[in-house]
């Protein structure tokens, strides 16, 4: 497989509609995709549904969908690719900047959520997605985990420290896009849940701490993901005692002011100031 340019090997480049993934971290979804990915260093992936749109190799871009030029956001994605390719790969990258908050009202309107009323009731504010995220290893299901660079360093250090104490910390979920959060709502609505009920478990699209790459859900061996029973594990006890030393805090304790259920598995990185 062709290696991506150094700046793209361990990061996800993010744009409004499309993500740029290192090809070596993606699984093929068919024979055609497998051949294309095997020869590529980067894959353009649509955020809305995860569709692979194109692969990139040394001699150019190979479209995987018809009419790639008409794909929303394709010019922005190709500009981001060119900017990443132009980086010499020496020295630290600039900190990722937030992307514009696009289509927020459109997503909320699709769910019948009034932004002003929601913010007043929950105290939550919209969070922008970052322009790039760092590879933070793999989660329980061997999917790539993406976080902000500082959160990545802190998570890997915290996991190593826990392991040295005989405690296994597993990542369950890290960065999620606004579009992915909307998909969570759509799937739950299709199963018959109401928006009001979903909002007690999931923040509205645009308001999840997962959006800015600073939060992750944590589990441990033998424990189902994202269940309150996590609080009875040695992993949770270890996090209570040590997570703050690595910059992580539990976001949703019992009776939190945001109206979100108790989530002992959800921790957010707060960099030292």
Protein backbone atom coordinates (compact mmCIF):
# COMPACT_ATOMS: atom_id res chain seq x y z
CA UNK A 1 0.00 0.00 0.00
CA UNK A 2 1.23 3.50 -0.78
CA UNK A 3 2.00 5.45 2.40
CA UNK A 4 0.23 8.81 2.74
CA UNK A 5 2.31 11.96 3.01
CA UNK A 6 3.66 12.36 6.54
CA UNK A 7 1.06 14.94 7.66
CA UNK A 8 -1.78 12.55 6.75
CA UNK A 9 -0.48 9.30 8.24
CA UNK A 10 -1.88 9.72 11.73
CA UNK A 11 -4.62 12.29 11.38
CA UNK A 12 -8.11 12.73 10.04
CA UNK A 13 -8.50 15.87 7.94
CA UNK A 14 -11.98 17.27 8.36
CA UNK A 15 -14.16 19.47 6.16
CA UNK A 16 -17.81 20.41 6.27
CA UNK A 17 -19.12 17.49 4.20
CA UNK A 18 -16.16 15.16 3.67
CA UNK A 19 -13.44 13.54 5.81
CA UNK A 20 -9.98 12.63 4.50
CA UNK A 21 -8.84 9.31 6.02
CA UNK A 22 -5.48 7.53 5.84
CA UNK A 23 -6.31 4.58 3.57
CA UNK A 24 -4.34 2.18 5.75
CA UNK A 25 -6.86 2.62 8.57
CA UNK A 26 -9.97 1.83 6.56
CA UNK A 27 -11.67 -1.47 5.83
CA UNK A 28 -12.81 -2.16 2.28
CA UNK A 29 -16.52 -2.67 1.72
CA UNK A 30 -16.28 -4.64 -1.49
CA UNK A 31 -13.83 -5.90 -4.08
CA UNK A 32 -13.79 -2.65 -6.04
CA UNK A 33 -13.13 -0.59 -2.94
CA UNK A 34 -10.50 -3.08 -1.76
CA UNK A 35 -8.46 -2.73 -4.94
CA UNK A 36 -8.73 1.06 -4.92
CA UNK A 37 -7.84 1.41 -1.23
CA UNK A 38 -4.90 -0.96 -1.54
CA UNK A 39 -3.31 1.39 -4.08
CA UNK A 40 -4.18 4.63 -2.27
CA UNK A 41 -2.80 6.72 0.55
CA UNK A 42 -5.97 8.69 1.33
CA UNK A 43 -9.73 8.07 1.09
CA UNK A 44 -12.38 10.77 0.82
CA UNK A 45 -15.35 9.71 2.96
CA UNK A 46 -18.76 11.37 3.01
CA UNK A 47 -19.68 12.32 6.56
CA UNK A 48 -23.43 11.97 6.18
CA UNK A 49 -23.46 8.24 5.52
CA UNK A 50 -19.82 7.09 5.53
CA UNK A 51 -19.75 6.44 1.78
CA UNK A 52 -16.30 6.23 0.22
CA UNK A 53 -16.25 8.89 -2.50
CA UNK A 54 -12.72 8.68 -3.92
CA UNK A 55 -9.23 7.41 -3.27
CA UNK A 56 -6.02 9.38 -3.70
CA UNK A 57 -2.67 7.97 -4.80
CA UNK A 58 0.51 9.37 -6.22
CA UNK A 59 -0.87 9.82 -9.73
CA UNK A 60 -4.17 11.47 -8.80
CA UNK A 61 -7.74 11.00 -7.56
CA UNK A 62 -9.86 7.95 -8.43
CA UNK A 63 -13.63 8.51 -8.13
CA UNK A 64 -15.64 5.74 -6.48
CA UNK A 65 -19.03 7.38 -7.12
CA UNK A 66 -20.61 8.84 -10.26
CA UNK A 67 -20.40 12.61 -10.73
CA UNK A 68 -17.80 13.15 -8.03
CA UNK A 69 -17.36 16.76 -9.20
CA UNK A 70 -20.96 17.48 -8.11
CA UNK A 71 -20.52 16.01 -4.63
CA UNK A 72 -21.26 18.68 -1.97
CA UNK A 73 -18.03 19.90 -0.44
CA UNK A 74 -15.69 18.17 -2.90
CA UNK A 75 -13.76 21.34 -3.77
CA UNK A 76 -13.22 22.13 -0.09
CA UNK A 77 -12.02 18.55 0.51
CA UNK A 78 -9.56 18.66 -2.40
CA UNK A 79 -8.24 22.01 -1.18
CA UNK A 80 -7.70 20.48 2.28
CA UNK A 81 -5.89 17.55 0.65
CA UNK A 82 -3.61 19.89 -1.27
CA UNK A 83 -2.84 21.87 1.89
CA UNK A 84 -1.98 18.65 3.77
CA UNK A 85 0.23 17.43 0.93
CA UNK A 86 2.05 20.75 0.92
CA UNK A 87 3.06 20.46 4.57
CA UNK A 88 6.70 19.34 4.76
CA UNK A 89 6.04 16.86 7.58
CA UNK A 90 8.77 18.29 9.81
CA UNK A 91 7.98 19.84 13.16
CA UNK A 92 4.65 20.08 14.97
CA UNK A 93 1.49 20.92 13.08
CA UNK A 94 -0.47 24.01 14.10
CA UNK A 95 -3.28 23.27 16.53
CA UNK A 96 -6.50 22.35 14.71
CA UNK A 97 -8.91 25.25 14.30
CA UNK A 98 -12.71 24.89 14.54
CA UNK A 99 -14.70 24.51 11.37
CA UNK A 100 -17.62 26.89 10.70
CA UNK A 101 -20.89 25.83 12.33
CA UNK A 102 -22.69 24.92 9.11
CA UNK A 103 -26.16 23.43 8.71
CA UNK A 104 -26.79 23.43 12.47
CA UNK A 105 -30.26 24.95 12.21
CA UNK A 106 -31.10 22.61 9.34
CA UNK A 107 -30.30 19.52 11.42
CA UNK A 108 -32.21 20.78 14.43
CA UNK A 109 -35.24 21.75 12.33
CA UNK A 110 -35.33 18.24 10.89
CA UNK A 111 -35.82 16.96 14.46
CA UNK A 112 -38.22 19.70 15.53
CA UNK A 113 -35.74 21.16 18.04
CA UNK A 114 -35.70 24.91 18.70
CA UNK A 115 -32.08 25.88 19.29
CA UNK A 116 -32.74 28.80 21.64
CA UNK A 117 -35.16 26.84 23.80
CA UNK A 118 -32.85 23.83 23.88
CA UNK A 119 -29.84 25.89 24.92
CA UNK A 120 -31.84 27.70 27.62
CA UNK A 121 -33.14 24.43 29.06
CA UNK A 122 -29.89 22.46 29.00
CA UNK A 123 -27.18 25.08 29.33
CA UNK A 124 -25.37 23.41 26.42
CA UNK A 125 -23.69 25.41 23.67
CA UNK A 126 -23.00 24.33 20.08
CA UNK A 127 -19.54 22.85 19.53
CA UNK A 128 -17.70 23.14 16.23
CA UNK A 129 -15.85 20.22 14.69
CA UNK A 130 -12.05 20.61 14.43
CA UNK A 131 -10.27 20.88 11.08
CA UNK A 132 -8.18 17.81 11.93
CA UNK A 133 -7.91 15.12 14.60
CA UNK A 134 -5.12 12.83 15.75
CA UNK A 135 -5.15 9.03 15.64
CA UNK A 136 -5.60 7.80 19.22
CA UNK A 137 -5.42 4.05 18.62
CA UNK A 138 -8.42 1.80 18.14
CA UNK A 139 -11.58 1.30 20.11
CA UNK A 140 -13.11 -1.91 21.47
CA UNK A 141 -14.27 -2.90 17.98
CA UNK A 142 -10.91 -2.06 16.37
CA UNK A 143 -12.26 1.07 14.73
CA UNK A 144 -9.91 4.07 14.50
CA UNK A 145 -10.32 6.46 17.42
CA UNK A 146 -9.93 10.18 16.69
CA UNK A 147 -9.36 12.92 19.27
CA UNK A 148 -7.76 16.35 19.49
CA UNK A 149 -3.96 16.08 19.74
CA UNK A 150 -3.83 17.00 23.43
CA UNK A 151 -6.68 14.62 24.27
CA UNK A 152 -4.91 11.87 22.30
CA UNK A 153 -1.69 12.26 24.28
CA UNK A 154 -3.58 12.37 27.57
CA UNK A 155 -5.75 9.33 26.74
CA UNK A 156 -2.78 7.17 25.71
CA UNK A 157 -0.84 8.18 28.83
CA UNK A 158 -3.84 7.51 31.07
CA UNK A 159 -4.46 4.11 29.53
CA UNK A 160 -0.80 3.15 30.04
CA UNK A 161 -0.91 4.26 33.67
CA UNK A 162 -4.08 2.28 34.31
CA UNK A 163 -2.54 -0.79 32.70
CA UNK A 164 0.49 -0.49 34.99
CA UNK A 165 -1.98 -0.65 37.90
CA UNK A 166 -3.64 -3.75 36.44
CA UNK A 167 -6.70 -1.89 35.11
CA UNK A 168 -7.86 -2.13 31.50
CA UNK A 169 -9.38 1.00 29.95
CA UNK A 170 -11.05 0.59 26.55
CA UNK A 171 -12.26 3.39 24.34
CA UNK A 172 -15.85 3.00 23.20
CA UNK A 173 -16.32 6.18 21.17
CA UNK A 174 -14.39 9.35 20.47
CA UNK A 175 -14.94 12.07 17.88
CA UNK A 176 -18.35 12.13 16.19
CA UNK A 177 -19.44 14.56 13.51
CA UNK A 178 -22.66 16.57 13.61
CA UNK A 179 -23.97 14.42 10.77
CA UNK A 180 -23.17 11.21 12.67
CA UNK A 181 -25.05 12.55 15.72
CA UNK A 182 -28.06 13.30 13.51
CA UNK A 183 -27.88 9.71 12.28
CA UNK A 184 -28.12 8.45 15.88
CA UNK A 185 -31.37 10.37 16.27
CA UNK A 186 -32.73 9.13 12.95
CA UNK A 187 -32.02 5.49 13.82
CA UNK A 188 -33.66 5.80 17.24
CA UNK A 189 -36.67 7.60 15.78
CA UNK A 190 -37.05 4.74 13.27
CA UNK A 191 -37.20 2.35 16.25
CA UNK A 192 -40.09 4.34 17.71
CA UNK A 193 -38.34 6.52 20.29
CA UNK A 194 -39.40 10.14 20.70
CA UNK A 195 -37.05 13.07 20.31
CA UNK A 196 -37.68 14.01 23.95
CA UNK A 197 -36.59 10.58 25.13
CA UNK A 198 -33.50 10.55 22.91
CA UNK A 199 -32.45 13.93 24.28
CA UNK A 200 -32.15 12.45 27.77
CA UNK A 201 -29.38 10.15 26.46
CA UNK A 202 -27.90 12.01 23.50
CA UNK A 203 -27.16 15.70 23.09
CA UNK A 204 -28.77 17.31 20.06
CA UNK A 205 -26.69 17.32 16.86
CA UNK A 206 -24.16 20.12 17.22
CA UNK A 207 -24.14 20.00 21.04
CA UNK A 208 -22.36 16.75 21.86
CA UNK A 209 -18.95 16.96 23.54
CA UNK A 210 -17.82 14.32 21.06
CA UNK A 211 -18.02 16.88 18.24
CA UNK A 212 -14.91 18.84 19.12
CA UNK A 213 -12.72 15.76 19.68
CA UNK A 214 -12.22 16.33 23.42
CA UNK A 215 -14.49 13.60 24.82
CA UNK A 216 -14.52 9.84 24.77
CA UNK A 217 -16.62 7.06 26.20
CA UNK A 218 -14.62 4.57 28.24
CA UNK A 219 -15.29 0.92 29.02
CA UNK A 220 -13.46 -2.10 30.34
CA UNK A 221 -13.20 -5.82 29.63
CA UNK A 222 -16.35 -7.82 30.25
CA UNK A 223 -18.53 -4.75 30.73
CA UNK A 224 -21.24 -3.75 28.22
CA UNK A 225 -20.61 -0.36 26.61
CA UNK A 226 -22.25 2.81 27.89
CA UNK A 227 -24.16 1.26 30.78
CA UNK A 228 -24.57 2.64 34.30
CA UNK A 229 -23.15 -0.63 35.63
CA UNK A 230 -19.72 0.69 34.61
CA UNK A 231 -19.65 2.60 37.91
CA UNK A 232 -19.21 -0.69 39.80
CA UNK A 233 -16.01 -1.62 37.94
CA UNK A 234 -12.39 -1.28 38.98
CA UNK A 235 -11.90 0.85 35.85
CA UNK A 236 -14.38 3.46 37.07
CA UNK A 237 -12.85 3.49 40.54
CA UNK A 238 -9.44 4.05 38.94
CA UNK A 239 -10.78 6.90 36.81
CA UNK A 240 -12.33 8.59 39.82
CA UNK A 241 -8.99 8.45 41.60
CA UNK A 242 -6.65 9.32 38.72
CA UNK A 243 -8.41 10.76 35.63
CA UNK A 244 -8.19 14.38 36.82
CA UNK A 245 -4.41 14.07 36.90
CA UNK A 246 -4.51 13.47 33.13
CA UNK A 247 -7.00 16.27 32.49
CA UNK A 248 -10.18 14.18 32.19
CA UNK A 249 -13.44 14.86 34.02
CA UNK A 250 -16.75 13.00 34.00
CA UNK A 251 -19.22 15.27 32.21
CA UNK A 252 -22.61 13.95 33.30
CA UNK A 253 -22.80 12.98 36.97
CA UNK A 254 -26.12 12.21 38.60
CA UNK A 255 -28.59 15.10 38.60
CA UNK A 256 -26.48 17.12 36.18
CA UNK A 257 -28.01 20.43 35.03
CA UNK A 258 -28.10 19.43 31.36
CA UNK A 259 -30.95 16.93 31.63
CA UNK A 260 -28.74 14.08 30.40
CA UNK A 261 -28.82 10.76 32.21
CA UNK A 262 -25.96 9.73 34.48
CA UNK A 263 -23.04 8.66 32.27
CA UNK A 264 -20.14 7.26 34.31
CA UNK A 265 -18.49 6.21 31.04
CA UNK A 266 -18.31 9.68 29.43
CA UNK A 267 -15.14 11.68 30.14
CA UNK A 268 -13.92 14.93 28.60
CA UNK A 269 -10.38 16.27 28.36
CA UNK A 270 -9.82 19.75 29.78
CA UNK A 271 -6.32 21.01 28.94
CA UNK A 272 -4.40 22.76 31.65
CA UNK A 273 -4.40 26.52 31.34
